[in-house]
Amino acid sequence: MWKTIRITVLLLVLVIVAGRTWLDRVETQSWKNTLWVGIFPLNGDDSPAAARYIAALSQEDFASIETFFQREAHRFGVPLDEPIHIEIYPEGKELPPQLANGANLFGVAWWSLKLRWFASHAAKTPGRTPPRIRIFVLYHDPSSLTVVPDSHGLQKGLMGVVHAFAVKEMTGSNNIVIAHELLHTLGATDKYQPGTGAPEFPAGYGDPDQSPLYPQQNAEIMAGQRALTANQFEMPVSLRNVVVGPATANEIRWTRH
């Protein structure tokens, strides 16, 4: 009897979670209302440099992300004046759980559950409207490392973890990563080759019909880099040279308007 009750309760929980995930997908891909995105800055390496950088952050530092979404959404006929709105929330003190290198499917699933639990309480801010999508940005002192850890965006749970450099000169590239992971939460998939990071052709090219094909003027947001030649790629310095390609637009339902 108790075994039957436990199984019934577990199935009920799974149904509720699946239903919530489905509703999240429908609501965030309808593009009928502005999506409220919360940026939660964190000191990723407990450094003075990151602390100073976070203390100086303002809404203007993320304005290019809003502009990017507005510009690209309008290119695909989405009539919404403000597809996303970004708000900065107070600096958090607890860091999100890390995904272990080489984690298998079970490890990824367990990490995802821990991250959802973390986000459920870390994003609570008394007196502030809770955001629809939560992006935790961990800032690092660039003098202590040359490459930041991988960032992640999850559609299930509508949250992302971004690792960024705590220096003004990297604001543009930081925002590219934030926009990339934000699009993951909306259902977009990567458009680059695992291992090499090379943009996939044609979905990962800013303009696959450009002639001559190289160098590409723009990068596709889910590829992250633009192709200079067939074997050379670079990340733009800002979202001004980044676009949403047709495949990505279709995944987030911008082509249904």
C-alpha atoms as a PDB file:
ATOM      1  CA  MET A   1       0.000   0.000   0.000  1.00  0.00           C
ATOM      2  CA  TRP A   2       2.719   2.488   1.005  1.00  0.00           C
ATOM      3  CA  LYS A   3       4.716   1.587  -2.072  1.00  0.00           C
ATOM      4  CA  THR A   4       1.689   2.361  -4.228  1.00  0.00           C
ATOM      5  CA  ILE A   5       1.217   5.694  -2.460  1.00  0.00           C
ATOM      6  CA  ARG A   6       4.884   6.654  -2.961  1.00  0.00           C
ATOM      7  CA  ILE A   7       4.733   5.778  -6.658  1.00  0.00           C
ATOM      8  CA  THR A   8       1.492   7.716  -7.052  1.00  0.00           C
ATOM      9  CA  VAL A   9       2.990  10.786  -5.369  1.00  0.00           C
ATOM     10  CA  LEU A  10       6.136  10.567  -7.521  1.00  0.00           C
ATOM     11  CA  LEU A  11       4.077  10.310 -10.694  1.00  0.00           C
ATOM     12  CA  LEU A  12       1.998  13.282  -9.601  1.00  0.00           C
ATOM     13  CA  VAL A  13       5.135  15.346  -9.026  1.00  0.00           C
ATOM     14  CA  LEU A  14       6.481  14.381 -12.451  1.00  0.00           C
ATOM     15  CA  VAL A  15       3.192  15.358 -14.079  1.00  0.00           C
ATOM     16  CA  ILE A  16       3.221  18.725 -12.315  1.00  0.00           C
ATOM     17  CA  VAL A  17       6.840  19.401 -13.340  1.00  0.00           C
ATOM     18  CA  ALA A  18       6.122  18.371 -16.943  1.00  0.00           C
ATOM     19  CA  GLY A  19       3.042  20.584 -17.001  1.00  0.00           C
ATOM     20  CA  ARG A  20       4.986  23.551 -15.605  1.00  0.00           C
ATOM     21  CA  THR A  21       7.706  23.037 -18.202  1.00  0.00           C
ATOM     22  CA  TRP A  22       5.135  22.956 -20.995  1.00  0.00           C
ATOM     23  CA  LEU A  23       3.462  26.129 -19.735  1.00  0.00           C
ATOM     24  CA  ASP A  24       6.845  27.874 -19.469  1.00  0.00           C
ATOM     25  CA  ARG A  25       7.610  26.980 -23.069  1.00  0.00           C
ATOM     26  CA  VAL A  26       4.251  28.212 -24.336  1.00  0.00           C
ATOM     27  CA  GLU A  27       4.384  31.459 -22.365  1.00  0.00           C
ATOM     28  CA  THR A  28       7.969  32.368 -23.248  1.00  0.00           C
ATOM     29  CA  GLN A  29       7.552  31.569 -26.949  1.00  0.00           C
ATOM     30  CA  SER A  30       4.253  33.364 -27.474  1.00  0.00           C
ATOM     31  CA  TRP A  31       5.908  36.806 -27.790  1.00  0.00           C
ATOM     32  CA  LYS A  32       2.718  38.537 -26.749  1.00  0.00           C
ATOM     33  CA  ASN A  33       4.230  40.189 -23.693  1.00  0.00           C
ATOM     34  CA  THR A  34       7.662  41.476 -22.697  1.00  0.00           C
ATOM     35  CA  LEU A  35       9.808  38.832 -21.025  1.00  0.00           C
ATOM     36  CA  TRP A  36      11.268  40.045 -17.723  1.00  0.00           C
ATOM     37  CA  VAL A  37      14.881  38.911 -17.395  1.00  0.00           C
ATOM     38  CA  GLY A  38      16.718  39.192 -14.091  1.00  0.00           C
ATOM     39  CA  ILE A  39      20.509  39.534 -13.991  1.00  0.00           C
ATOM     40  CA  PHE A  40      21.953  38.291 -10.703  1.00  0.00           C
ATOM     41  CA  PRO A  41      25.644  39.295 -10.447  1.00  0.00           C
ATOM     42  CA  LEU A  42      27.993  37.116  -8.417  1.00  0.00           C
ATOM     43  CA  ASN A  43      31.661  37.362  -7.507  1.00  0.00           C
ATOM     44  CA  GLY A  44      32.877  34.240  -9.259  1.00  0.00           C
ATOM     45  CA  ASP A  45      36.374  34.182  -7.770  1.00  0.00           C
ATOM     46  CA  ASP A  46      35.925  36.277  -4.598  1.00  0.00           C
ATOM     47  CA  SER A  47      38.327  38.848  -6.033  1.00  0.00           C
ATOM     48  CA  PRO A  48      38.481  42.591  -5.281  1.00  0.00           C
ATOM     49  CA  ALA A  49      38.420  43.287  -9.030  1.00  0.00           C
ATOM     50  CA  ALA A  50      35.128  41.434  -9.483  1.00  0.00           C
ATOM     51  CA  ALA A  51      33.689  43.116  -6.376  1.00  0.00           C
ATOM     52  CA  ARG A  52      34.508  46.580  -7.742  1.00  0.00           C
ATOM     53  CA  TYR A  53      33.122  45.703 -11.157  1.00  0.00           C
ATOM     54  CA  ILE A  54      29.834  44.424  -9.731  1.00  0.00           C
ATOM     55  CA  ALA A  55      29.451  47.495  -7.510  1.00  0.00           C
ATOM     56  CA  ALA A  56      29.687  49.726 -10.597  1.00  0.00           C
ATOM     57  CA  LEU A  57      27.197  47.792 -12.761  1.00  0.00           C
ATOM     58  CA  SER A  58      24.187  49.664 -14.119  1.00  0.00           C
ATOM     59  CA  GLN A  59      21.249  48.984 -16.432  1.00  0.00           C
ATOM     60  CA  GLU A  60      23.184  50.666 -19.231  1.00  0.00           C
ATOM     61  CA  ASP A  61      25.765  47.876 -19.158  1.00  0.00           C
ATOM     62  CA  PHE A  62      23.090  45.464 -20.450  1.00  0.00           C
ATOM     63  CA  ALA A  63      21.195  47.839 -22.745  1.00  0.00           C
ATOM     64  CA  SER A  64      22.772  46.327 -25.872  1.00  0.00           C
ATOM     65  CA  ILE A  65      21.054  43.001 -25.115  1.00  0.00           C
ATOM     66  CA  GLU A  66      17.631  44.637 -25.106  1.00  0.00           C
ATOM     67  CA  THR A  67      18.503  46.521 -28.303  1.00  0.00           C
ATOM     68  CA  PHE A  68      19.709  43.299 -29.945  1.00  0.00           C
ATOM     69  CA  PHE A  69      16.477  41.429 -29.180  1.00  0.00           C
ATOM     70  CA  GLN A  70      14.342  44.334 -30.344  1.00  0.00           C
ATOM     71  CA  ARG A  71      16.262  44.731 -33.613  1.00  0.00           C
ATOM     72  CA  GLU A  72      16.341  41.036 -34.459  1.00  0.00           C
ATOM     73  CA  ALA A  73      12.745  40.330 -33.414  1.00  0.00           C
ATOM     74  CA  HIS A  74      11.528  43.112 -35.691  1.00  0.00           C
ATOM     75  CA  ARG A  75      13.548  41.662 -38.575  1.00  0.00           C
ATOM     76  CA  PHE A  76      11.430  38.519 -38.270  1.00  0.00           C
ATOM     77  CA  GLY A  77       8.149  40.390 -37.992  1.00  0.00           C
ATOM     78  CA  VAL A  78       7.591  40.157 -34.232  1.00  0.00           C
ATOM     79  CA  PRO A  79       5.542  43.305 -33.489  1.00  0.00           C
ATOM     80  CA  LEU A  80       6.391  43.524 -29.777  1.00  0.00           C
ATOM     81  CA  ASP A  81       8.093  46.858 -29.010  1.00  0.00           C
ATOM     82  CA  GLU A  82      10.147  45.411 -26.151  1.00  0.00           C
ATOM     83  CA  PRO A  83      10.658  41.626 -26.504  1.00  0.00           C
ATOM     84  CA  ILE A  84      12.750  41.473 -23.318  1.00  0.00           C
ATOM     85  CA  HIS A  85      13.349  43.762 -20.387  1.00  0.00           C
ATOM     86  CA  ILE A  86      16.456  43.355 -18.244  1.00  0.00           C
ATOM     87  CA  GLU A  87      16.668  44.233 -14.567  1.00  0.00           C
ATOM     88  CA  ILE A  88      19.738  43.997 -12.336  1.00  0.00           C
ATOM     89  CA  TYR A  89      19.138  42.405  -8.956  1.00  0.00           C
ATOM     90  CA  PRO A  90      21.300  42.712  -5.831  1.00  0.00           C
ATOM     91  CA  GLU A  91      24.591  40.823  -5.756  1.00  0.00           C
ATOM     92  CA  GLY A  92      24.216  37.304  -4.426  1.00  0.00           C
ATOM     93  CA  LYS A  93      26.601  35.688  -1.957  1.00  0.00           C
ATOM     94  CA  GLU A  94      26.095  32.015  -2.793  1.00  0.00           C
ATOM     95  CA  LEU A  95      27.444  30.546  -6.021  1.00  0.00           C
ATOM     96  CA  PRO A  96      25.383  28.113  -8.119  1.00  0.00           C
ATOM     97  CA  PRO A  97      26.360  24.445  -8.291  1.00  0.00           C
ATOM     98  CA  GLN A  98      28.982  23.651 -10.917  1.00  0.00           C
ATOM     99  CA  LEU A  99      28.564  21.093 -13.678  1.00  0.00           C
ATOM    100  CA  ALA A 100      31.371  18.566 -13.398  1.00  0.00           C
ATOM    101  CA  ASN A 101      33.642  18.183 -16.416  1.00  0.00           C
ATOM    102  CA  GLY A 102      32.700  15.151 -18.463  1.00  0.00           C
ATOM    103  CA  ALA A 103      29.429  14.632 -16.563  1.00  0.00           C
ATOM    104  CA  ASN A 104      27.241  11.851 -17.971  1.00  0.00           C
ATOM    105  CA  LEU A 105      23.480  12.160 -18.526  1.00  0.00           C
ATOM    106  CA  PHE A 106      22.734  11.324 -14.898  1.00  0.00           C
ATOM    107  CA  GLY A 107      25.298  13.870 -13.718  1.00  0.00           C
ATOM    108  CA  VAL A 108      23.826  16.583 -15.947  1.00  0.00           C
ATOM    109  CA  ALA A 109      20.302  15.771 -14.760  1.00  0.00           C
ATOM    110  CA  TRP A 110      21.367  15.871 -11.106  1.00  0.00           C
ATOM    111  CA  TRP A 111      23.195  19.171 -11.636  1.00  0.00           C
ATOM    112  CA  SER A 112      20.108  20.596 -13.343  1.00  0.00           C
ATOM    113  CA  LEU A 113      17.934  19.680 -10.353  1.00  0.00           C
ATOM    114  CA  LYS A 114      20.424  21.245  -7.927  1.00  0.00           C
ATOM    115  CA  LEU A 115      20.573  24.386 -10.066  1.00  0.00           C
ATOM    116  CA  ARG A 116      16.787  24.681 -10.088  1.00  0.00           C
ATOM    117  CA  TRP A 117      16.759  24.339  -6.307  1.00  0.00           C
ATOM    118  CA  PHE A 118      19.486  26.976  -6.030  1.00  0.00           C
ATOM    119  CA  ALA A 119      17.635  29.380  -8.327  1.00  0.00           C
ATOM    120  CA  SER A 120      14.364  28.955  -6.460  1.00  0.00           C
ATOM    121  CA  HIS A 121      15.777  30.619  -3.335  1.00  0.00           C
ATOM    122  CA  ALA A 122      18.754  32.611  -4.683  1.00  0.00           C
ATOM    123  CA  ALA A 123      16.499  34.701  -6.920  1.00  0.00           C
ATOM    124  CA  LYS A 124      14.144  35.775  -4.136  1.00  0.00           C
ATOM    125  CA  THR A 125      14.509  39.507  -3.522  1.00  0.00           C
ATOM    126  CA  PRO A 126      12.112  41.137  -1.037  1.00  0.00           C
ATOM    127  CA  GLY A 127      10.303  44.081  -2.553  1.00  0.00           C
ATOM    128  CA  ARG A 128      11.307  43.238  -6.136  1.00  0.00           C
ATOM    129  CA  THR A 129       9.206  41.684  -8.881  1.00  0.00           C
ATOM    130  CA  PRO A 130      10.471  38.154  -9.542  1.00  0.00           C
ATOM    131  CA  PRO A 131      11.807  37.820 -13.114  1.00  0.00           C
ATOM    132  CA  ARG A 132      10.457  35.312 -15.613  1.00  0.00           C
ATOM    133  CA  ILE A 133      13.986  34.266 -16.584  1.00  0.00           C
ATOM    134  CA  ARG A 134      16.929  34.235 -14.177  1.00  0.00           C
ATOM    135  CA  ILE A 135      20.520  34.670 -15.373  1.00  0.00           C
ATOM    136  CA  PHE A 136      23.261  34.283 -12.770  1.00  0.00           C
ATOM    137  CA  VAL A 137      26.407  36.053 -14.000  1.00  0.00           C
ATOM    138  CA  LEU A 138      29.653  35.059 -12.280  1.00  0.00           C
ATOM    139  CA  TYR A 139      32.333  37.706 -12.802  1.00  0.00           C
ATOM    140  CA  HIS A 140      36.039  36.803 -12.760  1.00  0.00           C
ATOM    141  CA  ASP A 141      39.207  38.879 -12.477  1.00  0.00           C
ATOM    142  CA  PRO A 142      40.829  38.606 -15.955  1.00  0.00           C
ATOM    143  CA  SER A 143      44.292  38.799 -14.400  1.00  0.00           C
ATOM    144  CA  SER A 144      43.736  35.444 -12.707  1.00  0.00           C
ATOM    145  CA  LEU A 145      42.618  33.435 -15.751  1.00  0.00           C
ATOM    146  CA  THR A 146      42.585  33.720 -19.526  1.00  0.00           C
ATOM    147  CA  VAL A 147      39.517  31.558 -20.238  1.00  0.00           C
ATOM    148  CA  VAL A 148      36.368  31.488 -18.129  1.00  0.00           C
ATOM    149  CA  PRO A 149      34.448  28.244 -17.447  1.00  0.00           C
ATOM    150  CA  ASP A 150      31.645  27.208 -19.790  1.00  0.00           C
ATOM    151  CA  SER A 151      28.315  28.992 -19.473  1.00  0.00           C
ATOM    152  CA  HIS A 152      24.928  27.251 -19.575  1.00  0.00           C
ATOM    153  CA  GLY A 153      21.325  28.152 -20.333  1.00  0.00           C
ATOM    154  CA  LEU A 154      18.427  25.824 -19.451  1.00  0.00           C
ATOM    155  CA  GLN A 155      14.955  25.946 -20.958  1.00  0.00           C
ATOM    156  CA  LYS A 156      13.662  23.753 -18.152  1.00  0.00           C
ATOM    157  CA  GLY A 157      13.561  26.159 -15.257  1.00  0.00           C
ATOM    158  CA  LEU A 158      14.178  29.260 -17.416  1.00  0.00           C
ATOM    159  CA  MET A 159      17.594  30.029 -15.977  1.00  0.00           C
ATOM    160  CA  GLY A 160      21.189  30.408 -17.011  1.00  0.00           C
ATOM    161  CA  VAL A 161      24.680  30.543 -15.537  1.00  0.00           C
ATOM    162  CA  VAL A 162      27.128  32.842 -17.310  1.00  0.00           C
ATOM    163  CA  HIS A 163      30.840  33.235 -16.587  1.00  0.00           C
ATOM    164  CA  ALA A 164      32.132  36.677 -17.553  1.00  0.00           C
ATOM    165  CA  PHE A 165      35.208  38.869 -17.233  1.00  0.00           C
ATOM    166  CA  ALA A 166      35.089  41.710 -14.700  1.00  0.00           C
ATOM    167  CA  VAL A 167      36.488  44.428 -16.961  1.00  0.00           C
ATOM    168  CA  LYS A 168      34.679  47.175 -18.898  1.00  0.00           C
ATOM    169  CA  GLU A 169      36.476  46.365 -22.141  1.00  0.00           C
ATOM    170  CA  MET A 170      34.768  42.964 -22.144  1.00  0.00           C
ATOM    171  CA  THR A 171      31.216  44.275 -21.657  1.00  0.00           C
ATOM    172  CA  GLY A 172      30.364  43.717 -25.313  1.00  0.00           C
ATOM    173  CA  SER A 173      31.573  40.121 -25.445  1.00  0.00           C
ATOM    174  CA  ASN A 174      30.045  39.412 -22.016  1.00  0.00           C
ATOM    175  CA  ASN A 175      26.689  40.525 -23.390  1.00  0.00           C
ATOM    176  CA  ILE A 176      27.054  38.225 -26.384  1.00  0.00           C
ATOM    177  CA  VAL A 177      27.429  35.282 -23.991  1.00  0.00           C
ATOM    178  CA  ILE A 178      24.468  36.437 -21.887  1.00  0.00           C
ATOM    179  CA  ALA A 179      22.281  36.782 -25.002  1.00  0.00           C
ATOM    180  CA  HIS A 180      23.424  33.336 -26.201  1.00  0.00           C
ATOM    181  CA  GLU A 181      22.507  31.634 -22.916  1.00  0.00           C
ATOM    182  CA  LEU A 182      19.266  33.607 -22.674  1.00  0.00           C
ATOM    183  CA  LEU A 183      18.271  32.225 -26.068  1.00  0.00           C
ATOM    184  CA  HIS A 184      19.001  28.716 -24.775  1.00  0.00           C
ATOM    185  CA  THR A 185      16.339  29.284 -22.100  1.00  0.00           C
ATOM    186  CA  LEU A 186      13.911  30.132 -24.906  1.00  0.00           C
ATOM    187  CA  GLY A 187      14.604  26.916 -26.822  1.00  0.00           C
ATOM    188  CA  ALA A 188      17.459  27.833 -29.172  1.00  0.00           C
ATOM    189  CA  THR A 189      20.203  25.271 -29.804  1.00  0.00           C
ATOM    190  CA  ASP A 190      23.917  25.730 -30.466  1.00  0.00           C
ATOM    191  CA  LYS A 191      24.998  26.314 -34.065  1.00  0.00           C
ATOM    192  CA  TYR A 192      28.692  25.482 -33.713  1.00  0.00           C
ATOM    193  CA  GLN A 193      30.683  22.261 -33.953  1.00  0.00           C
ATOM    194  CA  PRO A 194      31.577  20.660 -30.606  1.00  0.00           C
ATOM    195  CA  GLY A 195      35.299  20.497 -30.056  1.00  0.00           C
ATOM    196  CA  THR A 196      36.387  23.054 -32.652  1.00  0.00           C
ATOM    197  CA  GLY A 197      33.800  25.750 -31.998  1.00  0.00           C
ATOM    198  CA  ALA A 198      33.547  26.343 -35.757  1.00  0.00           C
ATOM    199  CA  PRO A 199      30.218  27.839 -36.882  1.00  0.00           C
ATOM    200  CA  GLU A 200      28.019  25.285 -38.616  1.00  0.00           C
ATOM    201  CA  PHE A 201      27.189  26.006 -42.234  1.00  0.00           C
ATOM    202  CA  PRO A 202      24.666  27.337 -43.080  1.00  0.00           C
ATOM    203  CA  ALA A 203      22.767  27.715 -39.768  1.00  0.00           C
ATOM    204  CA  GLY A 204      25.754  29.123 -37.864  1.00  0.00           C
ATOM    205  CA  TYR A 205      26.690  31.768 -40.428  1.00  0.00           C
ATOM    206  CA  GLY A 206      25.449  35.339 -40.120  1.00  0.00           C
ATOM    207  CA  ASP A 207      24.832  35.451 -43.877  1.00  0.00           C
ATOM    208  CA  PRO A 208      25.305  32.068 -45.590  1.00  0.00           C
ATOM    209  CA  ASP A 209      24.321  33.641 -48.943  1.00  0.00           C
ATOM    210  CA  GLN A 210      27.000  36.341 -48.772  1.00  0.00           C
ATOM    211  CA  SER A 211      29.239  36.515 -51.855  1.00  0.00           C
ATOM    212  CA  PRO A 212      32.092  36.120 -51.460  1.00  0.00           C
ATOM    213  CA  LEU A 213      31.320  33.967 -48.444  1.00  0.00           C
ATOM    214  CA  TYR A 214      34.354  35.094 -46.434  1.00  0.00           C
ATOM    215  CA  PRO A 215      34.921  37.014 -44.331  1.00  0.00           C
ATOM    216  CA  GLN A 216      31.465  36.966 -42.749  1.00  0.00           C
ATOM    217  CA  GLN A 217      30.441  40.429 -41.559  1.00  0.00           C
ATOM    218  CA  ASN A 218      28.271  39.137 -38.724  1.00  0.00           C
ATOM    219  CA  ALA A 219      28.137  36.173 -36.373  1.00  0.00           C
ATOM    220  CA  GLU A 220      25.019  34.100 -35.743  1.00  0.00           C
ATOM    221  CA  ILE A 221      24.206  34.386 -32.038  1.00  0.00           C
ATOM    222  CA  MET A 222      24.020  30.638 -31.372  1.00  0.00           C
ATOM    223  CA  ALA A 223      27.327  30.080 -33.161  1.00  0.00           C
ATOM    224  CA  GLY A 224      29.013  32.866 -31.215  1.00  0.00           C
ATOM    225  CA  GLN A 225      31.782  33.440 -33.751  1.00  0.00           C
ATOM    226  CA  ARG A 226      31.947  34.739 -37.300  1.00  0.00           C
ATOM    227  CA  ALA A 227      33.867  32.925 -40.000  1.00  0.00           C
ATOM    228  CA  LEU A 228      36.781  34.896 -41.420  1.00  0.00           C
ATOM    229  CA  THR A 229      37.829  31.969 -43.610  1.00  0.00           C
ATOM    230  CA  ALA A 230      36.811  28.326 -43.787  1.00  0.00           C
ATOM    231  CA  ASN A 231      39.171  27.630 -40.865  1.00  0.00           C
ATOM    232  CA  GLN A 232      39.448  30.952 -39.005  1.00  0.00           C
ATOM    233  CA  PHE A 233      36.811  32.323 -36.644  1.00  0.00           C
ATOM    234  CA  GLU A 234      36.512  35.194 -34.202  1.00  0.00           C
ATOM    235  CA  MET A 235      34.042  36.471 -31.638  1.00  0.00           C
ATOM    236  CA  PRO A 236      32.732  39.983 -32.393  1.00  0.00           C
ATOM    237  CA  VAL A 237      33.390  42.666 -29.796  1.00  0.00           C
ATOM    238  CA  SER A 238      29.705  43.530 -29.419  1.00  0.00           C
ATOM    239  CA  LEU A 239      26.169  42.550 -30.379  1.00  0.00           C
ATOM    240  CA  ARG A 240      26.220  45.106 -33.205  1.00  0.00           C
ATOM    241  CA  ASN A 241      27.833  42.441 -35.386  1.00  0.00           C
ATOM    242  CA  VAL A 242      25.630  39.551 -34.263  1.00  0.00           C
ATOM    243  CA  VAL A 243      22.348  38.367 -35.779  1.00  0.00           C
ATOM    244  CA  VAL A 244      19.667  35.755 -35.189  1.00  0.00           C
ATOM    245  CA  GLY A 245      19.598  33.289 -38.061  1.00  0.00           C
ATOM    246  CA  PRO A 246      16.439  31.714 -39.528  1.00  0.00           C
ATOM    247  CA  ALA A 247      17.017  28.370 -37.773  1.00  0.00           C
ATOM    248  CA  THR A 248      17.303  30.034 -34.362  1.00  0.00           C
ATOM    249  CA  ALA A 249      14.312  32.279 -35.085  1.00  0.00           C
ATOM    250  CA  ASN A 250      12.265  29.193 -35.899  1.00  0.00           C
ATOM    251  CA  GLU A 251      13.293  27.461 -32.645  1.00  0.00           C
ATOM    252  CA  ILE A 252      12.117  30.389 -30.518  1.00  0.00           C
ATOM    253  CA  ARG A 253       8.977  30.812 -32.664  1.00  0.00           C
ATOM    254  CA  TRP A 254       9.786  34.192 -34.160  1.00  0.00           C
ATOM    255  CA  THR A 255       8.841  32.877 -37.589  1.00  0.00           C
ATOM    256  CA  ARG A 256       5.244  32.151 -36.541  1.00  0.00           C
ATOM    257  CA  HIS A 257       4.240  35.824 -36.696  1.00  0.00           C
END
